[in-house]
Amino acid sequence: MKYILDFDEVLFNTSALKEKMAALDIPESERGLDVFATIAEKDPAFDFKSLVFPGALAFVQEHGKDCVIVSSASSVTAENNTDLEQQLAFQTEKIMRSGVLEYVGKDNLRVVGAEKSEALTEIRDILRAQGESFVFVDDRERYIREAKELEIPAVWMDREQRGFIKGPEGLPTMLEFPRVGSFAELREMIASWKKNEE
């Protein structure tokens, strides 16, 4: 099985990075490579690898080349989306500094703007042609829904254990998607799928 993984809040604790930046008086709106120099200057001991979720690290160490990271450089905070080139550079560098590419490999990384559908379509087509089974894991509803439209099996990573999101009418959304809160739960889900296939 191949694993198509989002980066922020799936593999990497982006909320903790935002807290770190705030503690160092670096605005969340800052993007581009200068941010990394500023963090290193203000806290030379800080290591981006420390923000990779432990279960995520174990997963990519075990599955390495079976993983593909598809990450959006756009921020959930709309006012931070002002310079796509700086956002792409920032996101790529953040992933590089996290250390996960040591296991996954640079060829298995796609950093995109706001839309993942083109990258997901390309990966889906390659994996289908190879006869591979695959699953996409993301924490954002829009990308989970994009995957569904592209006929890609998707799992919603709900690390905050928010439960199912409620829409404007107060009704739960995302009910049609499997939901996990950690890589331990993802492993259990995949094991049950494999067992059911036997």
N, C-alpha and C. Protein backbone atom coordinates (compact mmCIF):
# COMPACT_ATOMS: atom_id res chain seq x y z
N MET A 1 0.84 -1.18 0.00
CA MET A 1 0.00 0.00 0.00
C MET A 1 0.88 1.24 0.00
N LYS A 2 0.40 2.27 -0.70
CA LYS A 2 1.09 3.56 -0.73
C LYS A 2 0.27 4.57 0.08
N TYR A 3 0.98 5.52 0.67
CA TYR A 3 0.36 6.49 1.58
C TYR A 3 0.64 7.90 1.07
N ILE A 4 -0.42 8.60 0.73
CA ILE A 4 -0.31 9.99 0.28
C ILE A 4 -0.64 10.85 1.49
N LEU A 5 0.35 11.56 2.00
CA LEU A 5 0.21 12.23 3.28
C LEU A 5 0.34 13.75 3.16
N ASP A 6 -0.55 14.44 3.82
CA ASP A 6 -0.39 15.87 4.01
C ASP A 6 0.74 16.07 5.02
N PHE A 7 1.29 17.28 5.08
CA PHE A 7 2.38 17.55 6.01
C PHE A 7 1.88 18.23 7.29
N ASP A 8 1.31 19.43 7.14
CA ASP A 8 0.91 20.22 8.31
C ASP A 8 -0.23 19.56 9.07
N GLU A 9 -0.03 19.37 10.35
CA GLU A 9 -0.99 18.78 11.29
C GLU A 9 -1.29 17.30 11.02
N VAL A 10 -0.61 16.71 10.04
CA VAL A 10 -0.67 15.26 9.85
C VAL A 10 0.68 14.68 10.27
N LEU A 11 1.75 15.17 9.65
CA LEU A 11 3.09 14.73 10.03
C LEU A 11 3.75 15.69 11.01
N PHE A 12 3.43 16.97 10.89
CA PHE A 12 4.18 18.04 11.55
C PHE A 12 3.25 18.90 12.40
N ASN A 13 3.68 19.21 13.63
CA ASN A 13 2.88 20.00 14.55
C ASN A 13 3.02 21.48 14.22
N THR A 14 2.26 21.92 13.24
CA THR A 14 2.32 23.30 12.77
C THR A 14 1.82 24.26 13.83
N SER A 15 0.86 23.84 14.63
CA SER A 15 0.36 24.71 15.71
C SER A 15 1.49 25.04 16.68
N ALA A 16 2.34 24.06 16.99
CA ALA A 16 3.47 24.30 17.89
C ALA A 16 4.49 25.24 17.24
N LEU A 17 4.67 25.14 15.92
CA LEU A 17 5.58 26.06 15.23
C LEU A 17 5.04 27.48 15.31
N LYS A 18 3.74 27.64 15.12
CA LYS A 18 3.13 28.97 15.23
C LYS A 18 3.33 29.55 16.63
N GLU A 19 3.17 28.69 17.64
CA GLU A 19 3.39 29.13 19.03
C GLU A 19 4.85 29.53 19.23
N LYS A 20 5.77 28.77 18.66
CA LYS A 20 7.19 29.08 18.77
C LYS A 20 7.50 30.42 18.11
N MET A 21 6.94 30.63 16.91
CA MET A 21 7.16 31.88 16.21
C MET A 21 6.61 33.06 17.01
N ALA A 22 5.43 32.89 17.60
CA ALA A 22 4.84 33.95 18.42
C ALA A 22 5.72 34.24 19.63
N ALA A 23 6.25 33.20 20.26
CA ALA A 23 7.13 33.39 21.42
C ALA A 23 8.41 34.13 21.05
N LEU A 24 8.83 33.99 19.79
CA LEU A 24 10.03 34.67 19.31
C LEU A 24 9.71 36.01 18.63
N ASP A 25 8.45 36.45 18.75
CA ASP A 25 7.98 37.71 18.13
C ASP A 25 8.13 37.71 16.61
N ILE A 26 7.87 36.56 15.99
CA ILE A 26 7.86 36.45 14.54
C ILE A 26 6.40 36.32 14.13
N PRO A 27 5.86 37.28 13.38
CA PRO A 27 4.44 37.20 13.01
C PRO A 27 4.14 35.97 12.17
N GLU A 28 2.96 35.39 12.39
CA GLU A 28 2.54 34.22 11.62
C GLU A 28 2.49 34.53 10.13
N SER A 29 2.27 35.78 9.78
CA SER A 29 2.18 36.17 8.37
C SER A 29 3.53 36.12 7.66
N GLU A 30 4.63 36.01 8.41
CA GLU A 30 5.95 35.93 7.80
C GLU A 30 6.09 34.65 7.00
N ARG A 31 6.57 34.77 5.79
CA ARG A 31 6.81 33.62 4.93
C ARG A 31 8.15 33.82 4.23
N GLY A 32 8.66 32.79 3.62
CA GLY A 32 9.94 32.89 2.92
C GLY A 32 11.06 32.35 3.80
N LEU A 33 12.24 32.28 3.21
CA LEU A 33 13.37 31.64 3.87
C LEU A 33 13.94 32.45 5.02
N ASP A 34 13.68 33.76 5.06
CA ASP A 34 14.19 34.60 6.15
C ASP A 34 13.68 34.15 7.51
N VAL A 35 12.50 33.55 7.53
CA VAL A 35 11.91 33.10 8.80
C VAL A 35 12.83 32.11 9.50
N PHE A 36 13.44 31.22 8.74
CA PHE A 36 14.30 30.19 9.32
C PHE A 36 15.56 30.80 9.92
N ALA A 37 16.11 31.80 9.23
CA ALA A 37 17.29 32.49 9.76
C ALA A 37 16.93 33.23 11.05
N THR A 38 15.75 33.83 11.08
CA THR A 38 15.32 34.57 12.28
C THR A 38 15.13 33.61 13.45
N ILE A 39 14.49 32.46 13.19
CA ILE A 39 14.30 31.47 14.26
C ILE A 39 15.65 30.99 14.78
N ALA A 40 16.58 30.69 13.87
CA ALA A 40 17.91 30.21 14.27
C ALA A 40 18.67 31.26 15.06
N GLU A 41 18.50 32.51 14.69
CA GLU A 41 19.17 33.61 15.39
C GLU A 41 18.61 33.78 16.81
N LYS A 42 17.28 33.70 16.91
CA LYS A 42 16.63 33.94 18.21
C LYS A 42 16.66 32.72 19.13
N ASP A 43 16.73 31.52 18.54
CA ASP A 43 16.79 30.30 19.34
C ASP A 43 17.66 29.27 18.61
N PRO A 44 18.98 29.38 18.75
CA PRO A 44 19.89 28.49 18.01
C PRO A 44 19.70 27.01 18.31
N ALA A 45 19.12 26.67 19.46
CA ALA A 45 18.95 25.26 19.83
C ALA A 45 17.69 24.65 19.23
N PHE A 46 16.82 25.46 18.65
CA PHE A 46 15.55 24.94 18.14
C PHE A 46 15.78 24.00 16.97
N ASP A 47 15.09 22.86 16.99
CA ASP A 47 15.21 21.85 15.94
C ASP A 47 13.82 21.55 15.39
N PHE A 48 13.62 21.77 14.10
CA PHE A 48 12.33 21.52 13.47
C PHE A 48 11.93 20.05 13.56
N LYS A 49 12.91 19.17 13.67
CA LYS A 49 12.61 17.74 13.78
C LYS A 49 11.80 17.43 15.03
N SER A 50 11.93 18.29 16.05
CA SER A 50 11.20 18.07 17.30
C SER A 50 9.69 18.26 17.13
N LEU A 51 9.27 18.87 16.03
CA LEU A 51 7.85 19.13 15.81
C LEU A 51 7.16 18.06 14.95
N VAL A 52 7.90 17.06 14.52
CA VAL A 52 7.27 15.94 13.81
C VAL A 52 6.59 15.08 14.87
N PHE A 53 5.31 14.80 14.68
CA PHE A 53 4.60 13.97 15.63
C PHE A 53 5.31 12.62 15.75
N PRO A 54 5.55 12.12 16.99
CA PRO A 54 6.30 10.86 17.16
C PRO A 54 5.71 9.69 16.37
N GLY A 55 4.40 9.53 16.38
CA GLY A 55 3.78 8.44 15.62
C GLY A 55 3.98 8.61 14.12
N ALA A 56 3.98 9.87 13.67
CA ALA A 56 4.20 10.15 12.25
C ALA A 56 5.62 9.80 11.86
N LEU A 57 6.58 10.15 12.72
CA LEU A 57 7.98 9.83 12.44
C LEU A 57 8.17 8.32 12.34
N ALA A 58 7.61 7.59 13.28
CA ALA A 58 7.72 6.12 13.24
C ALA A 58 7.10 5.57 11.96
N PHE A 59 5.99 6.15 11.53
CA PHE A 59 5.30 5.68 10.33
C PHE A 59 6.18 5.90 9.09
N VAL A 60 6.74 7.12 8.93
CA VAL A 60 7.56 7.37 7.74
C VAL A 60 8.88 6.61 7.81
N GLN A 61 9.38 6.35 9.01
CA GLN A 61 10.58 5.52 9.13
C GLN A 61 10.28 4.10 8.65
N GLU A 62 9.11 3.60 8.99
CA GLU A 62 8.74 2.23 8.60
C GLU A 62 8.36 2.13 7.12
N HIS A 63 7.61 3.11 6.64
CA HIS A 63 7.04 3.01 5.29
C HIS A 63 7.78 3.85 4.25
N GLY A 64 8.65 4.73 4.68
CA GLY A 64 9.52 5.53 3.84
C GLY A 64 9.10 5.75 2.40
N LYS A 65 9.66 4.97 1.50
CA LYS A 65 9.45 5.17 0.06
C LYS A 65 8.04 4.82 -0.39
N ASP A 66 7.23 4.26 0.50
CA ASP A 66 5.82 4.01 0.18
C ASP A 66 4.96 5.24 0.48
N CYS A 67 5.61 6.30 0.97
CA CYS A 67 4.88 7.53 1.30
C CYS A 67 5.16 8.61 0.27
N VAL A 68 4.14 9.39 -0.02
CA VAL A 68 4.27 10.58 -0.86
C VAL A 68 3.67 11.72 -0.05
N ILE A 69 4.41 12.81 0.06
CA ILE A 69 3.90 13.98 0.77
C ILE A 69 3.36 14.96 -0.26
N VAL A 70 2.08 15.33 -0.09
CA VAL A 70 1.47 16.36 -0.92
C VAL A 70 1.03 17.46 0.04
N SER A 71 1.73 18.58 -0.04
CA SER A 71 1.51 19.64 0.93
C SER A 71 1.15 20.95 0.25
N SER A 72 0.17 21.62 0.81
CA SER A 72 -0.25 22.93 0.30
C SER A 72 0.57 24.00 1.00
N ALA A 73 1.05 24.96 0.23
CA ALA A 73 1.80 26.07 0.80
C ALA A 73 0.88 27.19 1.26
N SER A 74 -0.41 27.05 1.00
CA SER A 74 -1.34 28.10 1.42
C SER A 74 -1.65 27.96 2.90
N SER A 75 -1.90 29.08 3.53
CA SER A 75 -2.19 29.11 4.95
C SER A 75 -3.69 29.05 5.17
N VAL A 76 -4.10 28.46 6.30
CA VAL A 76 -5.52 28.49 6.65
C VAL A 76 -5.95 29.91 7.01
N THR A 77 -4.97 30.76 7.32
CA THR A 77 -5.24 32.17 7.60
C THR A 77 -5.10 32.93 6.29
N ALA A 78 -6.23 33.34 5.70
CA ALA A 78 -6.26 33.90 4.35
C ALA A 78 -5.31 35.08 4.17
N GLU A 79 -5.20 35.96 5.18
CA GLU A 79 -4.34 37.13 5.01
C GLU A 79 -2.86 36.79 4.92
N ASN A 80 -2.49 35.55 5.22
CA ASN A 80 -1.09 35.13 5.07
C ASN A 80 -0.77 34.69 3.64
N ASN A 81 -1.76 34.59 2.79
CA ASN A 81 -1.57 34.12 1.43
C ASN A 81 -1.35 35.28 0.47
N THR A 82 -0.18 35.89 0.57
CA THR A 82 0.08 37.09 -0.22
C THR A 82 1.14 36.91 -1.29
N ASP A 83 2.06 35.98 -1.10
CA ASP A 83 3.17 35.80 -2.02
C ASP A 83 3.42 34.30 -2.20
N LEU A 84 2.86 33.73 -3.27
CA LEU A 84 2.93 32.28 -3.46
C LEU A 84 4.37 31.78 -3.53
N GLU A 85 5.25 32.52 -4.18
CA GLU A 85 6.64 32.08 -4.30
C GLU A 85 7.29 31.94 -2.92
N GLN A 86 7.07 32.93 -2.04
CA GLN A 86 7.62 32.85 -0.69
C GLN A 86 6.96 31.73 0.11
N GLN A 87 5.66 31.55 -0.09
CA GLN A 87 4.95 30.48 0.61
C GLN A 87 5.49 29.11 0.20
N LEU A 88 5.72 28.90 -1.09
CA LEU A 88 6.25 27.63 -1.58
C LEU A 88 7.65 27.38 -1.02
N ALA A 89 8.49 28.43 -1.02
CA ALA A 89 9.85 28.30 -0.48
C ALA A 89 9.80 27.98 1.02
N PHE A 90 8.93 28.67 1.74
CA PHE A 90 8.78 28.46 3.18
C PHE A 90 8.34 27.03 3.48
N GLN A 91 7.32 26.56 2.76
CA GLN A 91 6.78 25.22 3.01
C GLN A 91 7.81 24.14 2.68
N THR A 92 8.49 24.29 1.56
CA THR A 92 9.49 23.31 1.15
C THR A 92 10.62 23.24 2.17
N GLU A 93 11.09 24.40 2.61
CA GLU A 93 12.18 24.43 3.60
C GLU A 93 11.74 23.84 4.93
N LYS A 94 10.51 24.13 5.33
CA LYS A 94 9.98 23.58 6.58
C LYS A 94 9.97 22.04 6.51
N ILE A 95 9.54 21.50 5.39
CA ILE A 95 9.51 20.04 5.21
C ILE A 95 10.93 19.48 5.23
N MET A 96 11.85 20.16 4.55
CA MET A 96 13.25 19.71 4.52
C MET A 96 13.82 19.68 5.95
N ARG A 97 13.56 20.74 6.71
CA ARG A 97 14.12 20.83 8.07
C ARG A 97 13.47 19.84 9.03
N SER A 98 12.29 19.36 8.70
CA SER A 98 11.60 18.41 9.59
C SER A 98 12.29 17.05 9.63
N GLY A 99 13.05 16.74 8.58
CA GLY A 99 13.75 15.46 8.53
C GLY A 99 12.98 14.32 7.90
N VAL A 100 11.70 14.49 7.58
CA VAL A 100 10.92 13.37 7.05
C VAL A 100 11.38 12.94 5.66
N LEU A 101 11.99 13.87 4.91
CA LEU A 101 12.43 13.50 3.57
C LEU A 101 13.61 12.53 3.58
N GLU A 102 14.29 12.42 4.73
CA GLU A 102 15.35 11.42 4.86
C GLU A 102 14.79 10.02 4.62
N TYR A 103 13.53 9.82 4.93
CA TYR A 103 12.88 8.51 4.81
C TYR A 103 12.02 8.42 3.56
N VAL A 104 11.37 9.50 3.21
CA VAL A 104 10.42 9.52 2.09
C VAL A 104 11.14 9.74 0.76
N GLY A 105 12.11 10.63 0.75
CA GLY A 105 12.85 10.98 -0.46
C GLY A 105 12.27 12.19 -1.16
N LYS A 106 13.14 13.00 -1.72
CA LYS A 106 12.71 14.24 -2.39
C LYS A 106 11.78 13.99 -3.57
N ASP A 107 11.96 12.86 -4.24
CA ASP A 107 11.10 12.54 -5.39
C ASP A 107 9.66 12.29 -4.98
N ASN A 108 9.44 12.03 -3.70
CA ASN A 108 8.09 11.76 -3.20
C ASN A 108 7.50 12.96 -2.47
N LEU A 109 7.90 14.15 -2.89
CA LEU A 109 7.38 15.38 -2.30
C LEU A 109 6.75 16.25 -3.39
N ARG A 110 5.54 16.70 -3.12
CA ARG A 110 4.85 17.67 -3.99
C ARG A 110 4.38 18.82 -3.11
N VAL A 111 4.95 20.00 -3.30
CA VAL A 111 4.48 21.20 -2.60
C VAL A 111 3.73 22.02 -3.62
N VAL A 112 2.47 22.30 -3.31
CA VAL A 112 1.59 22.99 -4.25
C VAL A 112 1.07 24.28 -3.61
N GLY A 113 0.39 25.09 -4.42
CA GLY A 113 -0.23 26.30 -3.89
C GLY A 113 -1.44 25.93 -3.06
N ALA A 114 -2.59 26.44 -3.42
CA ALA A 114 -3.81 26.16 -2.65
C ALA A 114 -4.49 24.87 -3.09
N GLU A 115 -4.25 24.43 -4.30
CA GLU A 115 -4.96 23.27 -4.86
C GLU A 115 -4.08 22.03 -4.88
N LYS A 116 -4.63 20.93 -4.43
CA LYS A 116 -3.91 19.65 -4.45
C LYS A 116 -4.39 18.73 -5.56
N SER A 117 -5.49 19.08 -6.21
CA SER A 117 -6.12 18.14 -7.14
C SER A 117 -5.21 17.70 -8.28
N GLU A 118 -4.41 18.60 -8.83
CA GLU A 118 -3.53 18.22 -9.94
C GLU A 118 -2.47 17.21 -9.48
N ALA A 119 -1.85 17.49 -8.33
CA ALA A 119 -0.84 16.56 -7.81
C ALA A 119 -1.47 15.23 -7.42
N LEU A 120 -2.66 15.28 -6.80
CA LEU A 120 -3.34 14.05 -6.41
C LEU A 120 -3.72 13.22 -7.63
N THR A 121 -4.18 13.87 -8.69
CA THR A 121 -4.55 13.18 -9.92
C THR A 121 -3.33 12.48 -10.53
N GLU A 122 -2.21 13.19 -10.57
CA GLU A 122 -0.98 12.62 -11.13
C GLU A 122 -0.55 11.38 -10.33
N ILE A 123 -0.54 11.50 -9.02
CA ILE A 123 -0.12 10.38 -8.16
C ILE A 123 -1.10 9.22 -8.29
N ARG A 124 -2.40 9.52 -8.28
CA ARG A 124 -3.42 8.48 -8.43
C ARG A 124 -3.19 7.69 -9.72
N ASP A 125 -2.99 8.41 -10.83
CA ASP A 125 -2.83 7.76 -12.12
C ASP A 125 -1.58 6.87 -12.16
N ILE A 126 -0.49 7.35 -11.57
CA ILE A 126 0.75 6.56 -11.53
C ILE A 126 0.54 5.30 -10.69
N LEU A 127 -0.07 5.46 -9.52
CA LEU A 127 -0.26 4.31 -8.63
C LEU A 127 -1.25 3.30 -9.22
N ARG A 128 -2.29 3.79 -9.86
CA ARG A 128 -3.23 2.86 -10.51
C ARG A 128 -2.54 2.08 -11.61
N ALA A 129 -1.71 2.77 -12.41
CA ALA A 129 -1.00 2.10 -13.51
C ALA A 129 -0.05 1.03 -12.97
N GLN A 130 0.45 1.24 -11.75
CA GLN A 130 1.35 0.27 -11.12
C GLN A 130 0.59 -0.83 -10.37
N GLY A 131 -0.75 -0.71 -10.35
CA GLY A 131 -1.56 -1.70 -9.64
C GLY A 131 -1.48 -1.59 -8.13
N GLU A 132 -1.10 -0.42 -7.63
CA GLU A 132 -0.94 -0.20 -6.19
C GLU A 132 -2.26 0.21 -5.55
N SER A 133 -2.47 -0.21 -4.31
CA SER A 133 -3.55 0.34 -3.51
C SER A 133 -2.97 1.55 -2.77
N PHE A 134 -3.81 2.52 -2.43
CA PHE A 134 -3.31 3.73 -1.80
C PHE A 134 -4.41 4.42 -1.00
N VAL A 135 -3.96 5.30 -0.11
CA VAL A 135 -4.88 6.07 0.71
C VAL A 135 -4.28 7.46 0.91
N PHE A 136 -5.14 8.44 0.99
CA PHE A 136 -4.75 9.84 1.21
C PHE A 136 -5.15 10.23 2.62
N VAL A 137 -4.25 10.90 3.35
CA VAL A 137 -4.52 11.33 4.72
C VAL A 137 -4.29 12.84 4.81
N ASP A 138 -5.32 13.56 5.26
CA ASP A 138 -5.23 15.02 5.39
C ASP A 138 -6.07 15.47 6.57
N ASP A 139 -5.78 16.65 7.07
CA ASP A 139 -6.53 17.18 8.20
C ASP A 139 -7.57 18.22 7.79
N ARG A 140 -7.59 18.60 6.52
CA ARG A 140 -8.51 19.65 6.08
C ARG A 140 -9.63 19.08 5.21
N GLU A 141 -10.84 19.50 5.55
CA GLU A 141 -12.03 18.99 4.88
C GLU A 141 -11.97 19.18 3.37
N ARG A 142 -11.56 20.35 2.92
CA ARG A 142 -11.58 20.61 1.47
C ARG A 142 -10.73 19.61 0.70
N TYR A 143 -9.57 19.21 1.26
CA TYR A 143 -8.70 18.29 0.54
C TYR A 143 -9.21 16.85 0.61
N ILE A 144 -9.84 16.51 1.71
CA ILE A 144 -10.47 15.19 1.81
C ILE A 144 -11.58 15.08 0.76
N ARG A 145 -12.35 16.15 0.62
CA ARG A 145 -13.43 16.14 -0.39
C ARG A 145 -12.87 16.14 -1.81
N GLU A 146 -11.78 16.86 -2.04
CA GLU A 146 -11.12 16.83 -3.36
C GLU A 146 -10.73 15.39 -3.70
N ALA A 147 -10.13 14.70 -2.73
CA ALA A 147 -9.70 13.32 -2.96
C ALA A 147 -10.89 12.44 -3.31
N LYS A 148 -11.99 12.62 -2.60
CA LYS A 148 -13.19 11.82 -2.88
C LYS A 148 -13.65 12.04 -4.32
N GLU A 149 -13.67 13.31 -4.75
CA GLU A 149 -14.08 13.62 -6.12
C GLU A 149 -13.15 12.96 -7.14
N LEU A 150 -11.90 12.77 -6.76
CA LEU A 150 -10.91 12.13 -7.65
C LEU A 150 -10.87 10.62 -7.48
N GLU A 151 -11.81 10.08 -6.69
CA GLU A 151 -11.91 8.64 -6.42
C GLU A 151 -10.65 8.09 -5.75
N ILE A 152 -10.13 8.88 -4.81
CA ILE A 152 -8.98 8.48 -4.02
C ILE A 152 -9.49 8.19 -2.61
N PRO A 153 -9.28 6.98 -2.09
CA PRO A 153 -9.69 6.69 -0.71
C PRO A 153 -9.00 7.69 0.24
N ALA A 154 -9.79 8.27 1.15
CA ALA A 154 -9.25 9.32 2.01
C ALA A 154 -9.61 9.08 3.46
N VAL A 155 -8.69 9.45 4.33
CA VAL A 155 -8.89 9.37 5.78
C VAL A 155 -8.64 10.77 6.34
N TRP A 156 -9.54 11.19 7.20
CA TRP A 156 -9.43 12.49 7.84
C TRP A 156 -8.63 12.35 9.12
N MET A 157 -7.51 13.07 9.22
CA MET A 157 -6.69 13.10 10.44
C MET A 157 -7.24 14.21 11.34
N ASP A 158 -7.84 13.81 12.42
CA ASP A 158 -8.47 14.73 13.38
C ASP A 158 -7.68 14.68 14.69
N ARG A 159 -6.49 15.27 14.66
CA ARG A 159 -5.60 15.22 15.83
C ARG A 159 -6.21 15.89 17.05
N GLU A 160 -7.03 16.90 16.84
CA GLU A 160 -7.64 17.61 17.96
C GLU A 160 -8.83 16.86 18.54
N GLN A 161 -9.19 15.76 17.88
CA GLN A 161 -10.34 14.96 18.31
C GLN A 161 -11.59 15.84 18.43
N ARG A 162 -11.78 16.68 17.41
CA ARG A 162 -12.93 17.58 17.40
C ARG A 162 -14.22 16.83 17.14
N GLY A 163 -14.11 15.64 16.65
CA GLY A 163 -15.31 14.94 16.23
C GLY A 163 -15.72 15.49 14.88
N PHE A 164 -16.86 15.13 14.44
CA PHE A 164 -17.28 15.55 13.12
C PHE A 164 -17.66 17.03 13.13
N ILE A 165 -17.15 17.73 12.14
CA ILE A 165 -17.38 19.17 11.99
C ILE A 165 -18.85 19.40 11.72
N LYS A 166 -19.38 20.48 12.24
CA LYS A 166 -20.78 20.82 11.96
C LYS A 166 -20.83 21.93 10.93
N GLY A 167 -21.71 21.77 9.97
CA GLY A 167 -21.88 22.76 8.92
C GLY A 167 -22.75 23.92 9.38
N PRO A 168 -23.07 24.84 8.46
CA PRO A 168 -23.84 26.03 8.82
C PRO A 168 -25.21 25.70 9.42
N GLU A 169 -25.78 24.58 9.04
CA GLU A 169 -27.10 24.19 9.56
C GLU A 169 -26.99 23.46 10.89
N GLY A 170 -25.76 23.31 11.39
CA GLY A 170 -25.56 22.61 12.65
C GLY A 170 -25.52 21.10 12.51
N LEU A 171 -25.53 20.62 11.27
CA LEU A 171 -25.49 19.18 11.02
C LEU A 171 -24.04 18.73 10.83
N PRO A 172 -23.70 17.55 11.31
CA PRO A 172 -22.33 17.06 11.16
C PRO A 172 -21.98 16.87 9.69
N THR A 173 -20.76 17.22 9.34
CA THR A 173 -20.24 16.96 7.99
C THR A 173 -19.13 15.93 8.13
N MET A 174 -18.60 15.47 7.04
CA MET A 174 -17.48 14.54 7.01
C MET A 174 -17.87 13.15 7.52
N LEU A 175 -19.16 12.87 7.65
CA LEU A 175 -19.58 11.56 8.16
C LEU A 175 -19.17 10.42 7.24
N GLU A 176 -19.01 10.73 5.95
CA GLU A 176 -18.71 9.67 4.99
C GLU A 176 -17.23 9.29 4.96
N PHE A 177 -16.41 9.96 5.77
CA PHE A 177 -14.98 9.69 5.74
C PHE A 177 -14.50 9.02 7.02
N PRO A 178 -13.63 8.03 6.89
CA PRO A 178 -13.02 7.47 8.10
C PRO A 178 -12.21 8.56 8.79
N ARG A 179 -12.20 8.52 10.12
CA ARG A 179 -11.52 9.56 10.89
C ARG A 179 -10.59 8.90 11.89
N VAL A 180 -9.35 9.41 11.97
CA VAL A 180 -8.38 8.95 12.95
C VAL A 180 -7.79 10.16 13.66
N GLY A 181 -7.25 9.92 14.84
CA GLY A 181 -6.64 11.01 15.60
C GLY A 181 -5.13 10.89 15.73
N SER A 182 -4.59 9.80 15.17
CA SER A 182 -3.15 9.57 15.29
C SER A 182 -2.72 8.52 14.27
N PHE A 183 -1.41 8.36 14.14
CA PHE A 183 -0.92 7.32 13.25
C PHE A 183 -1.14 5.93 13.84
N ALA A 184 -1.22 5.82 15.16
CA ALA A 184 -1.55 4.52 15.76
C ALA A 184 -2.94 4.09 15.30
N GLU A 185 -3.88 5.03 15.30
CA GLU A 185 -5.24 4.72 14.83
C GLU A 185 -5.25 4.44 13.34
N LEU A 186 -4.44 5.16 12.57
CA LEU A 186 -4.36 4.91 11.13
C LEU A 186 -3.83 3.50 10.88
N ARG A 187 -2.81 3.10 11.62
CA ARG A 187 -2.26 1.74 11.47
C ARG A 187 -3.34 0.69 11.73
N GLU A 188 -4.13 0.91 12.80
CA GLU A 188 -5.21 -0.03 13.14
C GLU A 188 -6.24 -0.10 12.02
N MET A 189 -6.59 1.06 11.46
CA MET A 189 -7.57 1.11 10.38
C MET A 189 -7.06 0.36 9.15
N ILE A 190 -5.82 0.59 8.80
CA ILE A 190 -5.24 -0.07 7.62
C ILE A 190 -5.16 -1.58 7.85
N ALA A 191 -4.81 -1.98 9.06
CA ALA A 191 -4.74 -3.42 9.37
C ALA A 191 -6.11 -4.06 9.22
N SER A 192 -7.16 -3.34 9.66
CA SER A 192 -8.51 -3.90 9.52
C SER A 192 -8.94 -3.98 8.06
N TRP A 193 -8.51 -3.00 7.25
CA TRP A 193 -8.82 -3.05 5.81
C TRP A 193 -8.16 -4.27 5.19
N LYS A 194 -6.89 -4.46 5.53
CA LYS A 194 -6.14 -5.59 4.95
C LYS A 194 -6.75 -6.92 5.38
N LYS A 195 -7.20 -6.99 6.64
CA LYS A 195 -7.83 -8.20 7.14
C LYS A 195 -9.12 -8.49 6.40
N ASN A 196 -9.90 -7.43 6.14
CA ASN A 196 -11.16 -7.59 5.41
C ASN A 196 -10.96 -8.00 3.96
N GLU A 197 -9.79 -7.66 3.39
CA GLU A 197 -9.50 -8.02 2.01
C GLU A 197 -9.15 -9.50 1.89
N GLU A 198 -8.70 -10.11 3.00
CA GLU A 198 -8.26 -11.52 2.94
C GLU A 198 -9.43 -12.47 2.77
